Amino acid sequence: VKYGNLTFPAEYSETQTDSQGMDKTLIIAKTEQSTALFSGAL
């Protein structure tokens, strides 16, 4: 996946929640680069 000019390896999953809904989850490993961007940004 790409965020701005940066790229990250990720894992992605989709789960059907009901007849019209879909939960999508993206998991990015903690690296020095991802931690600098995302840490504390809940």
PDB file of all heavy atoms in Angstrom:
ATOM      1  N   VAL A   1       0.846  -1.192   0.000  1.00  0.00           N
ATOM      2  CA  VAL A   1       0.000   0.000   0.000  1.00  0.00           C
ATOM      3  C   VAL A   1       0.879   1.238   0.000  1.00  0.00           C
ATOM      4  O   VAL A   1       2.026   1.205   0.449  1.00  0.00           O
ATOM      5  CB  VAL A   1      -0.968   0.031   1.211  1.00  0.00           C
ATOM      6  CG1 VAL A   1      -1.965  -1.102   1.118  1.00  0.00           C
ATOM      7  CG2 VAL A   1      -0.229   0.008   2.529  1.00  0.00           C
ATOM      8  N   LYS A   2       0.317   2.303  -0.512  1.00  0.00           N
ATOM      9  CA  LYS A   2       1.046   3.556  -0.614  1.00  0.00           C
ATOM     10  C   LYS A   2       0.350   4.602   0.248  1.00  0.00           C
ATOM     11  O   LYS A   2      -0.875   4.720   0.235  1.00  0.00           O
ATOM     12  CB  LYS A   2       1.081   4.010  -2.076  1.00  0.00           C
ATOM     13  CG  LYS A   2       1.959   5.195  -2.336  1.00  0.00           C
ATOM     14  CD  LYS A   2       2.080   5.467  -3.826  1.00  0.00           C
ATOM     15  CE  LYS A   2       3.002   6.643  -4.058  1.00  0.00           C
ATOM     16  NZ  LYS A   2       3.190   6.928  -5.467  1.00  0.00           N
ATOM     17  N   TYR A   3       1.139   5.340   1.009  1.00  0.00           N
ATOM     18  CA  TYR A   3       0.646   6.472   1.787  1.00  0.00           C
ATOM     19  C   TYR A   3       1.541   7.652   1.448  1.00  0.00           C
ATOM     20  O   TYR A   3       2.727   7.648   1.780  1.00  0.00           O
ATOM     21  CB  TYR A   3       0.680   6.174   3.291  1.00  0.00           C
ATOM     22  CG  TYR A   3       0.217   7.337   4.131  1.00  0.00           C
ATOM     23  CD1 TYR A   3      -1.122   7.694   4.160  1.00  0.00           C
ATOM     24  CD2 TYR A   3       1.113   8.082   4.869  1.00  0.00           C
ATOM     25  CE1 TYR A   3      -1.554   8.769   4.914  1.00  0.00           C
ATOM     26  CE2 TYR A   3       0.693   9.151   5.631  1.00  0.00           C
ATOM     27  CZ  TYR A   3      -0.642   9.485   5.648  1.00  0.00           C
ATOM     28  OH  TYR A   3      -1.075  10.560   6.395  1.00  0.00           O
ATOM     29  N   GLY A   4       0.996   8.614   0.717  1.00  0.00           N
ATOM     30  CA  GLY A   4       1.835   9.702   0.214  1.00  0.00           C
ATOM     31  C   GLY A   4       2.852   9.126  -0.754  1.00  0.00           C
ATOM     32  O   GLY A   4       2.511   8.390  -1.669  1.00  0.00           O
ATOM     33  N   ASN A   5       4.126   9.417  -0.515  1.00  0.00           N
ATOM     34  CA  ASN A   5       5.203   8.903  -1.367  1.00  0.00           C
ATOM     35  C   ASN A   5       5.832   7.625  -0.813  1.00  0.00           C
ATOM     36  O   ASN A   5       6.786   7.116  -1.372  1.00  0.00           O
ATOM     37  CB  ASN A   5       6.299   9.959  -1.539  1.00  0.00           C
ATOM     38  CG  ASN A   5       5.805  11.139  -2.339  1.00  0.00           C
ATOM     39  OD1 ASN A   5       4.960  10.997  -3.205  1.00  0.00           O
ATOM     40  ND2 ASN A   5       6.334  12.315  -2.039  1.00  0.00           N
ATOM     41  N   LEU A   6       5.297   7.128   0.305  1.00  0.00           N
ATOM     42  CA  LEU A   6       5.877   5.961   0.968  1.00  0.00           C
ATOM     43  C   LEU A   6       5.071   4.708   0.668  1.00  0.00           C
ATOM     44  O   LEU A   6       3.854   4.771   0.516  1.00  0.00           O
ATOM     45  CB  LEU A   6       5.904   6.192   2.483  1.00  0.00           C
ATOM     46  CG  LEU A   6       6.634   7.445   2.949  1.00  0.00           C
ATOM     47  CD1 LEU A   6       6.413   7.658   4.435  1.00  0.00           C
ATOM     48  CD2 LEU A   6       8.115   7.340   2.634  1.00  0.00           C
ATOM     49  N   THR A   7       5.763   3.569   0.590  1.00  0.00           N
ATOM     50  CA  THR A   7       5.072   2.297   0.391  1.00  0.00           C
ATOM     51  C   THR A   7       5.357   1.379   1.578  1.00  0.00           C
ATOM     52  O   THR A   7       6.428   1.435   2.178  1.00  0.00           O
ATOM     53  CB  THR A   7       5.506   1.604  -0.916  1.00  0.00           C
ATOM     54  OG1 THR A   7       6.920   1.413  -0.885  1.00  0.00           O
ATOM     55  CG2 THR A   7       5.115   2.418  -2.127  1.00  0.00           C
ATOM     56  N   PHE A   8       4.365   0.552   1.891  1.00  0.00           N
ATOM     57  CA  PHE A   8       4.458  -0.374   3.013  1.00  0.00           C
ATOM     58  C   PHE A   8       3.926  -1.739   2.601  1.00  0.00           C
ATOM     59  O   PHE A   8       2.866  -1.813   1.977  1.00  0.00           O
ATOM     60  CB  PHE A   8       3.615   0.121   4.201  1.00  0.00           C
ATOM     61  CG  PHE A   8       4.031   1.454   4.732  1.00  0.00           C
ATOM     62  CD1 PHE A   8       3.388   2.610   4.322  1.00  0.00           C
ATOM     63  CD2 PHE A   8       5.067   1.562   5.646  1.00  0.00           C
ATOM     64  CE1 PHE A   8       3.765   3.847   4.809  1.00  0.00           C
ATOM     65  CE2 PHE A   8       5.449   2.795   6.139  1.00  0.00           C
ATOM     66  CZ  PHE A   8       4.802   3.939   5.717  1.00  0.00           C
ATOM     67  N   PRO A   9       4.621  -2.808   2.980  1.00  0.00           N
ATOM     68  CA  PRO A   9       4.021  -4.130   2.820  1.00  0.00           C
ATOM     69  C   PRO A   9       2.882  -4.247   3.824  1.00  0.00           C
ATOM     70  O   PRO A   9       2.989  -3.749   4.953  1.00  0.00           O
ATOM     71  CB  PRO A   9       5.163  -5.094   3.130  1.00  0.00           C
ATOM     72  CG  PRO A   9       6.166  -4.290   3.897  1.00  0.00           C
ATOM     73  CD  PRO A   9       5.955  -2.868   3.539  1.00  0.00           C
ATOM     74  N   ALA A  10       1.791  -4.862   3.411  1.00  0.00           N
ATOM     75  CA  ALA A  10       0.619  -4.950   4.281  1.00  0.00           C
ATOM     76  C   ALA A  10      -0.086  -6.280   4.075  1.00  0.00           C
ATOM     77  O   ALA A  10       0.153  -6.981   3.102  1.00  0.00           O
ATOM     78  CB  ALA A  10      -0.337  -3.799   3.978  1.00  0.00           C
ATOM     79  N   GLU A  11      -0.964  -6.580   5.017  1.00  0.00           N
ATOM     80  CA  GLU A  11      -1.868  -7.718   4.886  1.00  0.00           C
ATOM     81  C   GLU A  11      -3.284  -7.154   4.922  1.00  0.00           C
ATOM     82  O   GLU A  11      -3.582  -6.226   5.673  1.00  0.00           O
ATOM     83  CB  GLU A  11      -1.657  -8.710   6.022  1.00  0.00           C
ATOM     84  CG  GLU A  11      -0.310  -9.385   5.937  1.00  0.00           C
ATOM     85  CD  GLU A  11      -0.129 -10.442   7.007  1.00  0.00           C
ATOM     86  OE1 GLU A  11      -1.124 -11.060   7.400  1.00  0.00           O
ATOM     87  OE2 GLU A  11       1.015 -10.626   7.439  1.00  0.00           O
ATOM     88  N   TYR A  12      -4.158  -7.727   4.096  1.00  0.00           N
ATOM     89  CA  TYR A  12      -5.507  -7.197   3.917  1.00  0.00           C
ATOM     90  C   TYR A  12      -6.518  -8.332   4.029  1.00  0.00           C
ATOM     91  O   TYR A  12      -6.285  -9.434   3.561  1.00  0.00           O
ATOM     92  CB  TYR A  12      -5.605  -6.549   2.529  1.00  0.00           C
ATOM     93  CG  TYR A  12      -6.982  -6.110   2.143  1.00  0.00           C
ATOM     94  CD1 TYR A  12      -7.517  -4.935   2.637  1.00  0.00           C
ATOM     95  CD2 TYR A  12      -7.753  -6.877   1.276  1.00  0.00           C
ATOM     96  CE1 TYR A  12      -8.792  -4.527   2.280  1.00  0.00           C
ATOM     97  CE2 TYR A  12      -9.026  -6.474   0.911  1.00  0.00           C
ATOM     98  CZ  TYR A  12      -9.531  -5.296   1.415  1.00  0.00           C
ATOM     99  OH  TYR A  12     -10.790  -4.895   1.068  1.00  0.00           O
ATOM    100  N   SER A  13      -7.645  -8.024   4.676  1.00  0.00           N
ATOM    101  CA  SER A  13      -8.729  -9.006   4.706  1.00  0.00           C
ATOM    102  C   SER A  13     -10.074  -8.298   4.632  1.00  0.00           C
ATOM    103  O   SER A  13     -10.202  -7.130   5.025  1.00  0.00           O
ATOM    104  CB  SER A  13      -8.663  -9.871   5.966  1.00  0.00           C
ATOM    105  OG  SER A  13      -8.992  -9.108   7.104  1.00  0.00           O
ATOM    106  N   GLU A  14     -11.047  -9.009   4.106  1.00  0.00           N
ATOM    107  CA  GLU A  14     -12.431  -8.531   4.024  1.00  0.00           C
ATOM    108  C   GLU A  14     -13.315  -9.552   4.722  1.00  0.00           C
ATOM    109  O   GLU A  14     -13.123 -10.755   4.555  1.00  0.00           O
ATOM    110  CB  GLU A  14     -12.900  -8.417   2.575  1.00  0.00           C
ATOM    111  CG  GLU A  14     -12.225  -7.361   1.770  1.00  0.00           C
ATOM    112  CD  GLU A  14     -12.727  -7.322   0.331  1.00  0.00           C
ATOM    113  OE1 GLU A  14     -13.445  -8.252  -0.101  1.00  0.00           O
ATOM    114  OE2 GLU A  14     -12.384  -6.361  -0.364  1.00  0.00           O
ATOM    115  N   THR A  15     -14.301  -9.058   5.477  1.00  0.00           N
ATOM    116  CA  THR A  15     -15.258  -9.926   6.146  1.00  0.00           C
ATOM    117  C   THR A  15     -16.654  -9.385   5.910  1.00  0.00           C
ATOM    118  O   THR A  15     -16.919  -8.210   6.192  1.00  0.00           O
ATOM    119  CB  THR A  15     -14.992  -9.986   7.669  1.00  0.00           C
ATOM    120  OG1 THR A  15     -13.643 -10.389   7.883  1.00  0.00           O
ATOM    121  CG2 THR A  15     -15.934 -10.956   8.355  1.00  0.00           C
ATOM    122  N   GLN A  16     -17.524 -10.211   5.367  1.00  0.00           N
ATOM    123  CA  GLN A  16     -18.919  -9.816   5.150  1.00  0.00           C
ATOM    124  C   GLN A  16     -19.605  -9.700   6.511  1.00  0.00           C
ATOM    125  O   GLN A  16     -19.581 -10.637   7.299  1.00  0.00           O
ATOM    126  CB  GLN A  16     -19.631 -10.858   4.288  1.00  0.00           C
ATOM    127  CG  GLN A  16     -21.007 -10.464   3.838  1.00  0.00           C
ATOM    128  CD  GLN A  16     -20.981  -9.469   2.691  1.00  0.00           C
ATOM    129  OE1 GLN A  16     -20.104  -9.518   1.841  1.00  0.00           O
ATOM    130  NE2 GLN A  16     -21.932  -8.575   2.669  1.00  0.00           N
ATOM    131  N   THR A  17     -20.210  -8.531   6.812  1.00  0.00           N
ATOM    132  CA  THR A  17     -20.855  -8.342   8.107  1.00  0.00           C
ATOM    133  C   THR A  17     -22.357  -8.601   8.041  1.00  0.00           C
ATOM    134  O   THR A  17     -22.946  -9.048   8.998  1.00  0.00           O
ATOM    135  CB  THR A  17     -20.621  -6.923   8.643  1.00  0.00           C
ATOM    136  OG1 THR A  17     -21.089  -5.973   7.684  1.00  0.00           O
ATOM    137  CG2 THR A  17     -19.148  -6.703   8.924  1.00  0.00           C
ATOM    138  N   ASP A  18     -22.978  -8.276   6.938  1.00  0.00           N
ATOM    139  CA  ASP A  18     -24.389  -8.567   6.698  1.00  0.00           C
ATOM    140  C   ASP A  18     -24.629  -8.454   5.201  1.00  0.00           C
ATOM    141  O   ASP A  18     -23.680  -8.420   4.434  1.00  0.00           O
ATOM    142  CB  ASP A  18     -25.312  -7.631   7.503  1.00  0.00           C
ATOM    143  CG  ASP A  18     -25.051  -6.155   7.214  1.00  0.00           C
ATOM    144  OD1 ASP A  18     -24.717  -5.805   6.068  1.00  0.00           O
ATOM    145  OD2 ASP A  18     -25.202  -5.343   8.143  1.00  0.00           O
ATOM    146  N   SER A  19     -25.862  -8.362   4.792  1.00  0.00           N
ATOM    147  CA  SER A  19     -26.147  -8.362   3.356  1.00  0.00           C
ATOM    148  C   SER A  19     -25.583  -7.129   2.644  1.00  0.00           C
ATOM    149  O   SER A  19     -25.393  -7.159   1.439  1.00  0.00           O
ATOM    150  CB  SER A  19     -27.646  -8.447   3.112  1.00  0.00           C
ATOM    151  OG  SER A  19     -28.295  -7.312   3.658  1.00  0.00           O
ATOM    152  N   GLN A  20     -25.292  -6.040   3.373  1.00  0.00           N
ATOM    153  CA  GLN A  20     -24.794  -4.833   2.712  1.00  0.00           C
ATOM    154  C   GLN A  20     -23.466  -4.334   3.258  1.00  0.00           C
ATOM    155  O   GLN A  20     -22.908  -3.380   2.737  1.00  0.00           O
ATOM    156  CB  GLN A  20     -25.827  -3.712   2.833  1.00  0.00           C
ATOM    157  CG  GLN A  20     -27.109  -4.043   2.121  1.00  0.00           C
ATOM    158  CD  GLN A  20     -28.092  -2.893   2.171  1.00  0.00           C
ATOM    159  OE1 GLN A  20     -27.873  -1.903   2.830  1.00  0.00           O
ATOM    160  NE2 GLN A  20     -29.191  -3.048   1.467  1.00  0.00           N
ATOM    161  N   GLY A  21     -22.943  -4.972   4.297  1.00  0.00           N
ATOM    162  CA  GLY A  21     -21.736  -4.449   4.928  1.00  0.00           C
ATOM    163  C   GLY A  21     -20.513  -5.310   4.716  1.00  0.00           C
ATOM    164  O   GLY A  21     -20.597  -6.518   4.516  1.00  0.00           O
ATOM    165  N   MET A  22     -19.360  -4.658   4.760  1.00  0.00           N
ATOM    166  CA  MET A  22     -18.093  -5.347   4.586  1.00  0.00           C
ATOM    167  C   MET A  22     -17.078  -4.681   5.511  1.00  0.00           C
ATOM    168  O   MET A  22     -16.875  -3.469   5.453  1.00  0.00           O
ATOM    169  CB  MET A  22     -17.625  -5.211   3.133  1.00  0.00           C
ATOM    170  CG  MET A  22     -16.362  -5.941   2.813  1.00  0.00           C
ATOM    171  SD  MET A  22     -16.555  -7.708   2.576  1.00  0.00           S
ATOM    172  CE  MET A  22     -17.467  -7.774   1.061  1.00  0.00           C
ATOM    173  N   ASP A  23     -16.479  -5.472   6.410  1.00  0.00           N
ATOM    174  CA  ASP A  23     -15.386  -4.983   7.240  1.00  0.00           C
ATOM    175  C   ASP A  23     -14.090  -5.223   6.493  1.00  0.00           C
ATOM    176  O   ASP A  23     -13.824  -6.346   6.047  1.00  0.00           O
ATOM    177  CB  ASP A  23     -15.323  -5.721   8.582  1.00  0.00           C
ATOM    178  CG  ASP A  23     -16.337  -5.225   9.587  1.00  0.00           C
ATOM    179  OD1 ASP A  23     -16.885  -4.121   9.389  1.00  0.00           O
ATOM    180  OD2 ASP A  23     -16.587  -5.944  10.564  1.00  0.00           O
ATOM    181  N   LYS A  24     -13.293  -4.176   6.364  1.00  0.00           N
ATOM    182  CA  LYS A  24     -12.002  -4.297   5.693  1.00  0.00           C
ATOM    183  C   LYS A  24     -10.915  -3.959   6.702  1.00  0.00           C
ATOM    184  O   LYS A  24     -11.012  -2.948   7.403  1.00  0.00           O
ATOM    185  CB  LYS A  24     -11.927  -3.342   4.504  1.00  0.00           C
ATOM    186  CG  LYS A  24     -12.970  -3.630   3.439  1.00  0.00           C
ATOM    187  CD  LYS A  24     -12.891  -2.618   2.324  1.00  0.00           C
ATOM    188  CE  LYS A  24     -13.981  -2.855   1.289  1.00  0.00           C
ATOM    189  NZ  LYS A  24     -13.885  -1.883   0.185  1.00  0.00           N
ATOM    190  N   THR A  25      -9.892  -4.807   6.762  1.00  0.00           N
ATOM    191  CA  THR A  25      -8.804  -4.615   7.716  1.00  0.00           C
ATOM    192  C   THR A  25      -7.479  -4.619   6.967  1.00  0.00           C
ATOM    193  O   THR A  25      -7.242  -5.448   6.095  1.00  0.00           O
ATOM    194  CB  THR A  25      -8.793  -5.749   8.764  1.00  0.00           C
ATOM    195  OG1 THR A  25     -10.066  -5.771   9.416  1.00  0.00           O
ATOM    196  CG2 THR A  25      -7.702  -5.536   9.789  1.00  0.00           C
ATOM    197  N   LEU A  26      -6.625  -3.677   7.343  1.00  0.00           N
ATOM    198  CA  LEU A  26      -5.298  -3.533   6.764  1.00  0.00           C
ATOM    199  C   LEU A  26      -4.303  -3.571   7.917  1.00  0.00           C
ATOM    200  O   LEU A  26      -4.458  -2.832   8.891  1.00  0.00           O
ATOM    201  CB  LEU A  26      -5.222  -2.196   6.030  1.00  0.00           C
ATOM    202  CG  LEU A  26      -4.122  -1.926   5.054  1.00  0.00           C
ATOM    203  CD1 LEU A  26      -4.167  -2.913   3.892  1.00  0.00           C
ATOM    204  CD2 LEU A  26      -4.227  -0.510   4.526  1.00  0.00           C
ATOM    205  N   ILE A  27      -3.308  -4.446   7.832  1.00  0.00           N
ATOM    206  CA  ILE A  27      -2.308  -4.575   8.888  1.00  0.00           C
ATOM    207  C   ILE A  27      -0.944  -4.230   8.300  1.00  0.00           C
ATOM    208  O   ILE A  27      -0.532  -4.804   7.288  1.00  0.00           O
ATOM    209  CB  ILE A  27      -2.298  -6.004   9.469  1.00  0.00           C
ATOM    210  CG1 ILE A  27      -3.652  -6.292  10.122  1.00  0.00           C
ATOM    211  CG2 ILE A  27      -1.157  -6.174  10.458  1.00  0.00           C
ATOM    212  CD1 ILE A  27      -3.810  -7.706  10.609  1.00  0.00           C
ATOM    213  N   ILE A  28      -0.263  -3.294   8.960  1.00  0.00           N
ATOM    214  CA  ILE A  28       1.067  -2.870   8.531  1.00  0.00           C
ATOM    215  C   ILE A  28       2.040  -3.159   9.668  1.00  0.00           C
ATOM    216  O   ILE A  28       1.788  -2.767  10.816  1.00  0.00           O
ATOM    217  CB  ILE A  28       1.083  -1.367   8.176  1.00  0.00           C
ATOM    218  CG1 ILE A  28       0.184  -1.130   6.951  1.00  0.00           C
ATOM    219  CG2 ILE A  28       2.502  -0.878   7.914  1.00  0.00           C
ATOM    220  CD1 ILE A  28       0.058   0.323   6.550  1.00  0.00           C
ATOM    221  N   ALA A  29       3.136  -3.833   9.344  1.00  0.00           N
ATOM    222  CA  ALA A  29       4.143  -4.168  10.358  1.00  0.00           C
ATOM    223  C   ALA A  29       4.801  -2.894  10.881  1.00  0.00           C
ATOM    224  O   ALA A  29       4.954  -1.907  10.156  1.00  0.00           O
ATOM    225  CB  ALA A  29       5.200  -5.095   9.766  1.00  0.00           C
ATOM    226  N   LYS A  30       5.183  -2.949  12.150  1.00  0.00           N
ATOM    227  CA  LYS A  30       5.912  -1.827  12.738  1.00  0.00           C
ATOM    228  C   LYS A  30       7.354  -1.852  12.245  1.00  0.00           C
ATOM    229  O   LYS A  30       8.058  -2.846  12.401  1.00  0.00           O
ATOM    230  CB  LYS A  30       5.886  -1.897  14.261  1.00  0.00           C
ATOM    231  CG  LYS A  30       4.589  -1.419  14.845  1.00  0.00           C
ATOM    232  CD  LYS A  30       4.711  -1.285  16.348  1.00  0.00           C
ATOM    233  CE  LYS A  30       3.455  -0.644  16.904  1.00  0.00           C
ATOM    234  NZ  LYS A  30       3.540  -0.538  18.373  1.00  0.00           N
ATOM    235  N   THR A  31       7.737  -0.778  11.617  1.00  0.00           N
ATOM    236  CA  THR A  31       9.121  -0.559  11.208  1.00  0.00           C
ATOM    237  C   THR A  31       9.479   0.836  11.707  1.00  0.00           C
ATOM    238  O   THR A  31       8.619   1.564  12.226  1.00  0.00           O
ATOM    239  CB  THR A  31       9.270  -0.599   9.673  1.00  0.00           C
ATOM    240  OG1 THR A  31       8.485   0.471   9.109  1.00  0.00           O
ATOM    241  CG2 THR A  31       8.828  -1.930   9.088  1.00  0.00           C
ATOM    242  N   GLU A  32      10.698   1.227  11.529  1.00  0.00           N
ATOM    243  CA  GLU A  32      11.090   2.577  11.939  1.00  0.00           C
ATOM    244  C   GLU A  32      10.243   3.625  11.213  1.00  0.00           C
ATOM    245  O   GLU A  32       9.757   4.583  11.810  1.00  0.00           O
ATOM    246  CB  GLU A  32      12.583   2.771  11.626  1.00  0.00           C
ATOM    247  CG  GLU A  32      13.204   3.967  12.305  1.00  0.00           C
ATOM    248  CD  GLU A  32      14.707   3.999  12.101  1.00  0.00           C
ATOM    249  OE1 GLU A  32      15.392   3.018  12.460  1.00  0.00           O
ATOM    250  OE2 GLU A  32      15.188   5.017  11.578  1.00  0.00           O
ATOM    251  N   GLN A  33      10.031   3.400   9.917  1.00  0.00           N
ATOM    252  CA  GLN A  33       9.269   4.343   9.096  1.00  0.00           C
ATOM    253  C   GLN A  33       7.786   4.373   9.476  1.00  0.00           C
ATOM    254  O   GLN A  33       7.210   5.440   9.658  1.00  0.00           O
ATOM    255  CB  GLN A  33       9.439   3.955   7.627  1.00  0.00           C
ATOM    256  CG  GLN A  33       8.880   4.947   6.653  1.00  0.00           C
ATOM    257  CD  GLN A  33       9.175   4.520   5.223  1.00  0.00           C
ATOM    258  OE1 GLN A  33       8.883   3.389   4.847  1.00  0.00           O
ATOM    259  NE2 GLN A  33       9.758   5.405   4.444  1.00  0.00           N
ATOM    260  N   SER A  34       7.163   3.201   9.615  1.00  0.00           N
ATOM    261  CA  SER A  34       5.736   3.180   9.942  1.00  0.00           C
ATOM    262  C   SER A  34       5.495   3.687  11.369  1.00  0.00           C
ATOM    263  O   SER A  34       4.506   4.375  11.630  1.00  0.00           O
ATOM    264  CB  SER A  34       5.139   1.779   9.747  1.00  0.00           C
ATOM    265  OG  SER A  34       5.682   0.850  10.653  1.00  0.00           O
ATOM    266  N   THR A  35       6.385   3.375  12.286  1.00  0.00           N
ATOM    267  CA  THR A  35       6.234   3.851  13.658  1.00  0.00           C
ATOM    268  C   THR A  35       6.314   5.375  13.718  1.00  0.00           C
ATOM    269  O   THR A  35       5.537   6.013  14.426  1.00  0.00           O
ATOM    270  CB  THR A  35       7.294   3.207  14.576  1.00  0.00           C
ATOM    271  OG1 THR A  35       7.093   1.787  14.558  1.00  0.00           O
ATOM    272  CG2 THR A  35       7.187   3.711  15.999  1.00  0.00           C
ATOM    273  N   ALA A  36       7.228   5.957  12.958  1.00  0.00           N
ATOM    274  CA  ALA A  36       7.352   7.417  12.943  1.00  0.00           C
ATOM    275  C   ALA A  36       6.063   8.076  12.442  1.00  0.00           C
ATOM    276  O   ALA A  36       5.674   9.139  12.925  1.00  0.00           O
ATOM    277  CB  ALA A  36       8.533   7.831  12.071  1.00  0.00           C
ATOM    278  N   LEU A  37       5.382   7.437  11.505  1.00  0.00           N
ATOM    279  CA  LEU A  37       4.155   8.009  10.934  1.00  0.00           C
ATOM    280  C   LEU A  37       2.904   7.741  11.760  1.00  0.00           C
ATOM    281  O   LEU A  37       2.063   8.624  11.927  1.00  0.00           O
ATOM    282  CB  LEU A  37       3.910   7.440   9.540  1.00  0.00           C
ATOM    283  CG  LEU A  37       4.695   8.032   8.407  1.00  0.00           C
ATOM    284  CD1 LEU A  37       4.488   7.212   7.153  1.00  0.00           C
ATOM    285  CD2 LEU A  37       4.279   9.458   8.170  1.00  0.00           C
ATOM    286  N   PHE A  38       2.744   6.526  12.251  1.00  0.00           N
ATOM    287  CA  PHE A  38       1.460   6.104  12.800  1.00  0.00           C
ATOM    288  C   PHE A  38       1.403   5.972  14.329  1.00  0.00           C
ATOM    289  O   PHE A  38       0.309   5.941  14.884  1.00  0.00           O
ATOM    290  CB  PHE A  38       1.045   4.759  12.180  1.00  0.00           C
ATOM    291  CG  PHE A  38       1.044   4.764  10.684  1.00  0.00           C
ATOM    292  CD1 PHE A  38       1.751   3.804   9.982  1.00  0.00           C
ATOM    293  CD2 PHE A  38       0.340   5.715   9.968  1.00  0.00           C
ATOM    294  CE1 PHE A  38       1.748   3.790   8.588  1.00  0.00           C
ATOM    295  CE2 PHE A  38       0.340   5.715   8.579  1.00  0.00           C
ATOM    296  CZ  PHE A  38       1.035   4.748   7.892  1.00  0.00           C
ATOM    297  N   SER A  39       2.537   5.892  14.997  1.00  0.00           N
ATOM    298  CA  SER A  39       2.523   5.670  16.436  1.00  0.00           C
ATOM    299  C   SER A  39       1.783   6.796  17.156  1.00  0.00           C
ATOM    300  O   SER A  39       2.022   7.978  16.911  1.00  0.00           O
ATOM    301  CB  SER A  39       3.956   5.565  16.974  1.00  0.00           C
ATOM    302  OG  SER A  39       3.929   5.194  18.335  1.00  0.00           O
ATOM    303  N   GLY A  40       0.861   6.416  18.028  1.00  0.00           N
ATOM    304  CA  GLY A  40       0.097   7.385  18.807  1.00  0.00           C
ATOM    305  C   GLY A  40      -1.037   8.051  18.061  1.00  0.00           C
ATOM    306  O   GLY A  40      -1.664   8.978  18.570  1.00  0.00           O
ATOM    307  N   ALA A  41      -1.344   7.593  16.858  1.00  0.00           N
ATOM    308  CA  ALA A  41      -2.368   8.241  16.034  1.00  0.00           C
ATOM    309  C   ALA A  41      -3.681   7.454  16.023  1.00  0.00           C
ATOM    310  O   ALA A  41      -4.405   7.450  15.025  1.00  0.00           O
ATOM    311  CB  ALA A  41      -1.852   8.419  14.613  1.00  0.00           C
ATOM    312  N   LEU A  42      -4.013   6.797  17.127  1.00  0.00           N
ATOM    313  CA  LEU A  42      -5.252   6.013  17.181  1.00  0.00           C
ATOM    314  C   LEU A  42      -6.453   6.866  16.816  1.00  0.00           C
ATOM    315  O   LEU A  42      -6.548   8.026  17.205  1.00  0.00           O
ATOM    316  CB  LEU A  42      -5.446   5.412  18.573  1.00  0.00           C
ATOM    317  CG  LEU A  42      -4.568   4.211  18.903  1.00  0.00           C
ATOM    318  CD1 LEU A  42      -4.796   3.778  20.341  1.00  0.00           C
ATOM    319  CD2 LEU A  42      -4.835   3.063  17.961  1.00  0.00           C
TER     320      LEU A  42
END
